[in-house]
Amino acid sequence: MDMRKLAASFRYAWEGVKDVWINEQNFKIHSFTAALMILLGFFFKLAIMEWIVLLMVIAIVLSLEVMNTAIERSVDLITASRHPLAKKAKDASAAAVFLFACGAAVIGMLIFLPKIIEIVFK
């Protein structure tokens, strides 16, 4: 195993994360939401399985947002003109993030709402 190539692959990945953080508003929104959910997880003392689900959902949402950005940029690279198929590709990649984020919100409610209700109605 070439450790230099391995180290370089991690550097490239980190560069991608930094670039998306700097240039993509939705990635920032998802990141701040993730940080808030993690803080709530500590506050509510989540069980290990709740942590596993929460962290997996966060990782998937952020990864989908990065993939959405990659697809949008690739489409922009291929064609500068407005093409119906380019729009469909961009819309579909955005839809993937949206659909999973909606599912993530439901999962978050399933994890946190019972804990919130318990505190409010205690």
N, C-alpha and C. Protein backbone atom coordinates (compact mmCIF):
# COMPACT_ATOMS: atom_id res chain seq x y z
N MET A 1 0.85 -1.18 0.00
CA MET A 1 0.00 0.00 0.00
C MET A 1 0.90 1.24 0.00
N ASP A 2 0.63 2.15 -0.91
CA ASP A 2 1.39 3.39 -1.02
C ASP A 2 0.77 4.42 -0.09
N MET A 3 1.46 4.72 0.99
CA MET A 3 0.93 5.64 2.00
C MET A 3 0.80 7.06 1.46
N ARG A 4 1.66 7.44 0.51
CA ARG A 4 1.55 8.78 -0.07
C ARG A 4 0.27 8.94 -0.86
N LYS A 5 -0.09 7.90 -1.62
CA LYS A 5 -1.35 7.95 -2.38
C LYS A 5 -2.54 7.97 -1.44
N LEU A 6 -2.46 7.18 -0.38
CA LEU A 6 -3.53 7.15 0.61
C LEU A 6 -3.69 8.52 1.27
N ALA A 7 -2.59 9.11 1.68
CA ALA A 7 -2.63 10.43 2.31
C ALA A 7 -3.18 11.47 1.33
N ALA A 8 -2.76 11.37 0.07
CA ALA A 8 -3.25 12.31 -0.94
C ALA A 8 -4.76 12.17 -1.13
N SER A 9 -5.27 10.94 -1.10
CA SER A 9 -6.71 10.75 -1.29
C SER A 9 -7.49 11.39 -0.14
N PHE A 10 -6.96 11.32 1.07
CA PHE A 10 -7.62 11.98 2.19
C PHE A 10 -7.55 13.51 2.05
N ARG A 11 -6.41 14.02 1.57
CA ARG A 11 -6.30 15.47 1.35
C ARG A 11 -7.31 15.93 0.31
N TYR A 12 -7.46 15.17 -0.79
CA TYR A 12 -8.41 15.54 -1.83
C TYR A 12 -9.84 15.54 -1.28
N ALA A 13 -10.15 14.54 -0.48
CA ALA A 13 -11.49 14.47 0.11
C ALA A 13 -11.72 15.66 1.02
N TRP A 14 -10.73 16.00 1.84
CA TRP A 14 -10.88 17.15 2.74
C TRP A 14 -11.03 18.45 1.95
N GLU A 15 -10.29 18.58 0.84
CA GLU A 15 -10.44 19.75 -0.03
C GLU A 15 -11.88 19.84 -0.55
N GLY A 16 -12.46 18.70 -0.90
CA GLY A 16 -13.85 18.68 -1.36
C GLY A 16 -14.81 19.13 -0.29
N VAL A 17 -14.60 18.66 0.94
CA VAL A 17 -15.47 19.08 2.05
C VAL A 17 -15.35 20.59 2.26
N LYS A 18 -14.12 21.10 2.28
CA LYS A 18 -13.93 22.55 2.48
C LYS A 18 -14.59 23.35 1.37
N ASP A 19 -14.42 22.90 0.13
CA ASP A 19 -14.99 23.62 -1.01
C ASP A 19 -16.52 23.66 -0.92
N VAL A 20 -17.13 22.53 -0.61
CA VAL A 20 -18.59 22.50 -0.51
C VAL A 20 -19.05 23.37 0.65
N TRP A 21 -18.32 23.34 1.77
CA TRP A 21 -18.67 24.18 2.92
C TRP A 21 -18.63 25.66 2.54
N ILE A 22 -17.59 26.05 1.83
CA ILE A 22 -17.41 27.46 1.47
C ILE A 22 -18.45 27.91 0.44
N ASN A 23 -18.77 27.05 -0.52
CA ASN A 23 -19.55 27.48 -1.68
C ASN A 23 -21.01 27.06 -1.72
N GLU A 24 -21.43 26.16 -0.85
CA GLU A 24 -22.79 25.64 -0.95
C GLU A 24 -23.61 25.96 0.31
N GLN A 25 -24.59 26.82 0.15
CA GLN A 25 -25.44 27.25 1.27
C GLN A 25 -26.16 26.06 1.91
N ASN A 26 -26.70 25.16 1.10
CA ASN A 26 -27.46 24.05 1.67
C ASN A 26 -26.59 23.12 2.51
N PHE A 27 -25.32 22.97 2.14
CA PHE A 27 -24.42 22.14 2.94
C PHE A 27 -24.24 22.77 4.32
N LYS A 28 -24.13 24.09 4.36
CA LYS A 28 -24.02 24.78 5.65
C LYS A 28 -25.28 24.58 6.48
N ILE A 29 -26.43 24.70 5.84
CA ILE A 29 -27.70 24.51 6.56
C ILE A 29 -27.77 23.10 7.14
N HIS A 30 -27.45 22.09 6.32
CA HIS A 30 -27.48 20.71 6.79
C HIS A 30 -26.44 20.49 7.90
N SER A 31 -25.28 21.13 7.78
CA SER A 31 -24.24 20.98 8.80
C SER A 31 -24.66 21.58 10.13
N PHE A 32 -25.24 22.77 10.08
CA PHE A 32 -25.71 23.40 11.33
C PHE A 32 -26.84 22.59 11.96
N THR A 33 -27.72 22.07 11.12
CA THR A 33 -28.80 21.22 11.63
C THR A 33 -28.21 19.96 12.28
N ALA A 34 -27.21 19.38 11.64
CA ALA A 34 -26.55 18.19 12.19
C ALA A 34 -25.93 18.51 13.54
N ALA A 35 -25.24 19.64 13.63
CA ALA A 35 -24.62 20.02 14.91
C ALA A 35 -25.67 20.20 16.00
N LEU A 36 -26.79 20.80 15.64
CA LEU A 36 -27.88 20.97 16.61
C LEU A 36 -28.42 19.62 17.06
N MET A 37 -28.59 18.69 16.13
CA MET A 37 -29.09 17.36 16.49
C MET A 37 -28.11 16.62 17.40
N ILE A 38 -26.82 16.80 17.15
CA ILE A 38 -25.81 16.17 17.99
C ILE A 38 -25.86 16.76 19.40
N LEU A 39 -25.98 18.08 19.49
CA LEU A 39 -26.12 18.71 20.82
C LEU A 39 -27.37 18.20 21.54
N LEU A 40 -28.47 18.10 20.80
CA LEU A 40 -29.70 17.55 21.41
C LEU A 40 -29.49 16.11 21.84
N GLY A 41 -28.72 15.36 21.07
CA GLY A 41 -28.42 13.98 21.43
C GLY A 41 -27.71 13.90 22.78
N PHE A 42 -26.75 14.79 22.99
CA PHE A 42 -26.06 14.82 24.29
C PHE A 42 -27.02 15.26 25.39
N PHE A 43 -27.83 16.27 25.10
CA PHE A 43 -28.77 16.78 26.10
C PHE A 43 -29.74 15.68 26.55
N PHE A 44 -30.26 14.93 25.59
CA PHE A 44 -31.24 13.89 25.90
C PHE A 44 -30.61 12.53 26.22
N LYS A 45 -29.27 12.47 26.22
CA LYS A 45 -28.56 11.23 26.56
C LYS A 45 -29.09 10.05 25.73
N LEU A 46 -28.94 10.17 24.42
CA LEU A 46 -29.42 9.13 23.52
C LEU A 46 -28.79 7.78 23.82
N ALA A 47 -29.55 6.74 23.57
CA ALA A 47 -29.04 5.37 23.66
C ALA A 47 -28.12 5.12 22.47
N ILE A 48 -27.30 4.09 22.57
CA ILE A 48 -26.31 3.80 21.52
C ILE A 48 -26.97 3.59 20.15
N MET A 49 -28.09 2.89 20.10
CA MET A 49 -28.76 2.67 18.81
C MET A 49 -29.33 3.98 18.26
N GLU A 50 -29.79 4.84 19.13
CA GLU A 50 -30.27 6.16 18.67
C GLU A 50 -29.11 6.96 18.09
N TRP A 51 -27.94 6.90 18.75
CA TRP A 51 -26.76 7.58 18.22
C TRP A 51 -26.36 7.03 16.85
N ILE A 52 -26.38 5.71 16.74
CA ILE A 52 -26.00 5.08 15.47
C ILE A 52 -26.92 5.55 14.35
N VAL A 53 -28.21 5.53 14.60
CA VAL A 53 -29.18 5.97 13.59
C VAL A 53 -28.98 7.46 13.28
N LEU A 54 -28.87 8.28 14.31
CA LEU A 54 -28.71 9.72 14.12
C LEU A 54 -27.46 10.04 13.30
N LEU A 55 -26.34 9.46 13.68
CA LEU A 55 -25.09 9.76 12.98
C LEU A 55 -25.08 9.21 11.55
N MET A 56 -25.72 8.07 11.34
CA MET A 56 -25.81 7.52 9.99
C MET A 56 -26.67 8.44 9.11
N VAL A 57 -27.77 8.90 9.64
CA VAL A 57 -28.65 9.79 8.88
C VAL A 57 -27.93 11.10 8.55
N ILE A 58 -27.22 11.65 9.52
CA ILE A 58 -26.46 12.89 9.28
C ILE A 58 -25.42 12.66 8.17
N ALA A 59 -24.68 11.57 8.26
CA ALA A 59 -23.65 11.27 7.26
C ALA A 59 -24.25 11.13 5.87
N ILE A 60 -25.40 10.48 5.79
CA ILE A 60 -26.04 10.29 4.48
C ILE A 60 -26.54 11.61 3.90
N VAL A 61 -27.16 12.43 4.72
CA VAL A 61 -27.65 13.73 4.23
C VAL A 61 -26.48 14.57 3.71
N LEU A 62 -25.40 14.66 4.50
CA LEU A 62 -24.26 15.47 4.08
C LEU A 62 -23.61 14.88 2.82
N SER A 63 -23.51 13.56 2.76
CA SER A 63 -22.93 12.91 1.57
C SER A 63 -23.79 13.15 0.33
N LEU A 64 -25.10 13.07 0.49
CA LEU A 64 -25.99 13.34 -0.65
C LEU A 64 -25.86 14.78 -1.11
N GLU A 65 -25.69 15.70 -0.19
CA GLU A 65 -25.52 17.11 -0.56
C GLU A 65 -24.22 17.30 -1.35
N VAL A 66 -23.17 16.60 -0.95
CA VAL A 66 -21.91 16.67 -1.69
C VAL A 66 -22.09 16.07 -3.09
N MET A 67 -22.76 14.93 -3.18
CA MET A 67 -22.99 14.31 -4.49
C MET A 67 -23.85 15.21 -5.37
N ASN A 68 -24.85 15.85 -4.79
CA ASN A 68 -25.68 16.80 -5.54
C ASN A 68 -24.81 17.91 -6.14
N THR A 69 -23.91 18.43 -5.32
CA THR A 69 -23.00 19.48 -5.80
C THR A 69 -22.13 18.95 -6.94
N ALA A 70 -21.60 17.74 -6.78
CA ALA A 70 -20.75 17.15 -7.83
C ALA A 70 -21.53 16.99 -9.13
N ILE A 71 -22.76 16.52 -9.04
CA ILE A 71 -23.58 16.34 -10.24
C ILE A 71 -23.88 17.69 -10.89
N GLU A 72 -24.28 18.66 -10.08
CA GLU A 72 -24.58 19.99 -10.64
C GLU A 72 -23.36 20.59 -11.34
N ARG A 73 -22.21 20.48 -10.71
CA ARG A 73 -20.99 21.04 -11.31
C ARG A 73 -20.59 20.28 -12.57
N SER A 74 -20.78 18.98 -12.57
CA SER A 74 -20.46 18.19 -13.76
C SER A 74 -21.36 18.58 -14.93
N VAL A 75 -22.64 18.75 -14.64
CA VAL A 75 -23.58 19.17 -15.69
C VAL A 75 -23.19 20.54 -16.21
N ASP A 76 -22.83 21.46 -15.31
CA ASP A 76 -22.42 22.80 -15.73
C ASP A 76 -21.16 22.75 -16.58
N LEU A 77 -20.27 21.81 -16.29
CA LEU A 77 -19.04 21.67 -17.06
C LEU A 77 -19.32 21.16 -18.46
N ILE A 78 -20.29 20.26 -18.56
CA ILE A 78 -20.60 19.64 -19.85
C ILE A 78 -21.32 20.60 -20.78
N THR A 79 -22.23 21.40 -20.23
CA THR A 79 -22.99 22.31 -21.08
C THR A 79 -23.20 23.65 -20.40
N ALA A 80 -22.89 24.71 -21.14
CA ALA A 80 -23.11 26.06 -20.61
C ALA A 80 -24.52 26.53 -20.97
N SER A 81 -25.12 25.90 -21.96
CA SER A 81 -26.45 26.32 -22.38
C SER A 81 -27.51 25.64 -21.51
N ARG A 82 -28.68 26.22 -21.51
CA ARG A 82 -29.81 25.63 -20.77
C ARG A 82 -30.39 24.50 -21.61
N HIS A 83 -30.29 23.31 -21.08
CA HIS A 83 -30.79 22.15 -21.80
C HIS A 83 -31.78 21.44 -20.89
N PRO A 84 -32.92 20.99 -21.43
CA PRO A 84 -33.92 20.33 -20.58
C PRO A 84 -33.38 19.12 -19.82
N LEU A 85 -32.49 18.35 -20.44
CA LEU A 85 -31.92 17.18 -19.75
C LEU A 85 -30.96 17.59 -18.64
N ALA A 86 -30.24 18.69 -18.86
CA ALA A 86 -29.35 19.19 -17.81
C ALA A 86 -30.17 19.60 -16.60
N LYS A 87 -31.29 20.28 -16.85
CA LYS A 87 -32.18 20.67 -15.75
C LYS A 87 -32.73 19.45 -15.03
N LYS A 88 -33.13 18.44 -15.80
CA LYS A 88 -33.67 17.22 -15.18
C LYS A 88 -32.62 16.52 -14.31
N ALA A 89 -31.37 16.48 -14.77
CA ALA A 89 -30.30 15.86 -13.99
C ALA A 89 -30.07 16.62 -12.69
N LYS A 90 -30.04 17.94 -12.78
CA LYS A 90 -29.85 18.76 -11.57
C LYS A 90 -31.04 18.63 -10.62
N ASP A 91 -32.24 18.65 -11.18
CA ASP A 91 -33.44 18.52 -10.35
C ASP A 91 -33.49 17.16 -9.66
N ALA A 92 -33.09 16.12 -10.38
CA ALA A 92 -33.12 14.78 -9.80
C ALA A 92 -32.11 14.65 -8.66
N SER A 93 -30.93 15.22 -8.84
CA SER A 93 -29.93 15.13 -7.76
C SER A 93 -30.37 15.95 -6.55
N ALA A 94 -30.99 17.08 -6.79
CA ALA A 94 -31.53 17.87 -5.67
C ALA A 94 -32.67 17.12 -4.99
N ALA A 95 -33.48 16.42 -5.77
CA ALA A 95 -34.59 15.65 -5.21
C ALA A 95 -34.09 14.54 -4.30
N ALA A 96 -32.96 13.92 -4.65
CA ALA A 96 -32.41 12.86 -3.81
C ALA A 96 -32.08 13.40 -2.42
N VAL A 97 -31.47 14.57 -2.36
CA VAL A 97 -31.16 15.19 -1.07
C VAL A 97 -32.46 15.53 -0.34
N PHE A 98 -33.39 16.13 -1.04
CA PHE A 98 -34.66 16.55 -0.44
C PHE A 98 -35.41 15.36 0.16
N LEU A 99 -35.51 14.28 -0.61
CA LEU A 99 -36.26 13.11 -0.13
C LEU A 99 -35.61 12.51 1.11
N PHE A 100 -34.30 12.37 1.07
CA PHE A 100 -33.65 11.80 2.26
C PHE A 100 -33.71 12.75 3.44
N ALA A 101 -33.59 14.05 3.19
CA ALA A 101 -33.69 15.03 4.28
C ALA A 101 -35.08 14.97 4.92
N CYS A 102 -36.12 14.77 4.11
CA CYS A 102 -37.47 14.61 4.67
C CYS A 102 -37.54 13.36 5.55
N GLY A 103 -36.97 12.27 5.06
CA GLY A 103 -36.92 11.06 5.87
C GLY A 103 -36.11 11.26 7.13
N ALA A 104 -35.01 12.00 7.03
CA ALA A 104 -34.17 12.29 8.20
C ALA A 104 -34.95 13.10 9.23
N ALA A 105 -35.77 14.04 8.76
CA ALA A 105 -36.58 14.83 9.68
C ALA A 105 -37.57 13.95 10.43
N VAL A 106 -38.17 13.00 9.74
CA VAL A 106 -39.10 12.07 10.40
C VAL A 106 -38.35 11.22 11.42
N ILE A 107 -37.18 10.72 11.05
CA ILE A 107 -36.37 9.93 11.97
C ILE A 107 -36.01 10.77 13.20
N GLY A 108 -35.62 12.02 12.97
CA GLY A 108 -35.31 12.92 14.08
C GLY A 108 -36.50 13.10 15.00
N MET A 109 -37.68 13.25 14.42
CA MET A 109 -38.88 13.39 15.25
C MET A 109 -39.15 12.12 16.04
N LEU A 110 -38.96 10.96 15.42
CA LEU A 110 -39.17 9.70 16.14
C LEU A 110 -38.20 9.54 17.31
N ILE A 111 -36.99 10.06 17.14
CA ILE A 111 -36.01 9.97 18.22
C ILE A 111 -36.27 11.01 19.30
N PHE A 112 -36.52 12.26 18.89
CA PHE A 112 -36.53 13.36 19.85
C PHE A 112 -37.91 13.72 20.41
N LEU A 113 -38.97 13.57 19.63
CA LEU A 113 -40.29 13.98 20.13
C LEU A 113 -40.71 13.29 21.42
N PRO A 114 -40.55 11.97 21.55
CA PRO A 114 -40.92 11.36 22.83
C PRO A 114 -40.15 11.94 24.01
N LYS A 115 -38.90 12.28 23.80
CA LYS A 115 -38.07 12.85 24.86
C LYS A 115 -38.53 14.27 25.21
N ILE A 116 -38.89 15.03 24.19
CA ILE A 116 -39.38 16.39 24.41
C ILE A 116 -40.73 16.35 25.11
N ILE A 117 -41.60 15.48 24.66
CA ILE A 117 -42.94 15.33 25.28
C ILE A 117 -42.80 14.93 26.74
N GLU A 118 -41.88 14.04 27.01
CA GLU A 118 -41.67 13.61 28.40
C GLU A 118 -41.27 14.77 29.30
N ILE A 119 -40.39 15.64 28.79
CA ILE A 119 -39.96 16.81 29.58
C ILE A 119 -41.09 17.81 29.73
N VAL A 120 -41.81 18.08 28.65
CA VAL A 120 -42.87 19.10 28.67
C VAL A 120 -44.02 18.68 29.58
N PHE A 121 -44.40 17.40 29.53
CA PHE A 121 -45.57 16.94 30.27
C PHE A 121 -45.21 16.18 31.54
N LYS A 122 -44.01 16.37 32.03
CA LYS A 122 -43.55 15.69 33.23
C LYS A 122 -44.17 16.27 34.48
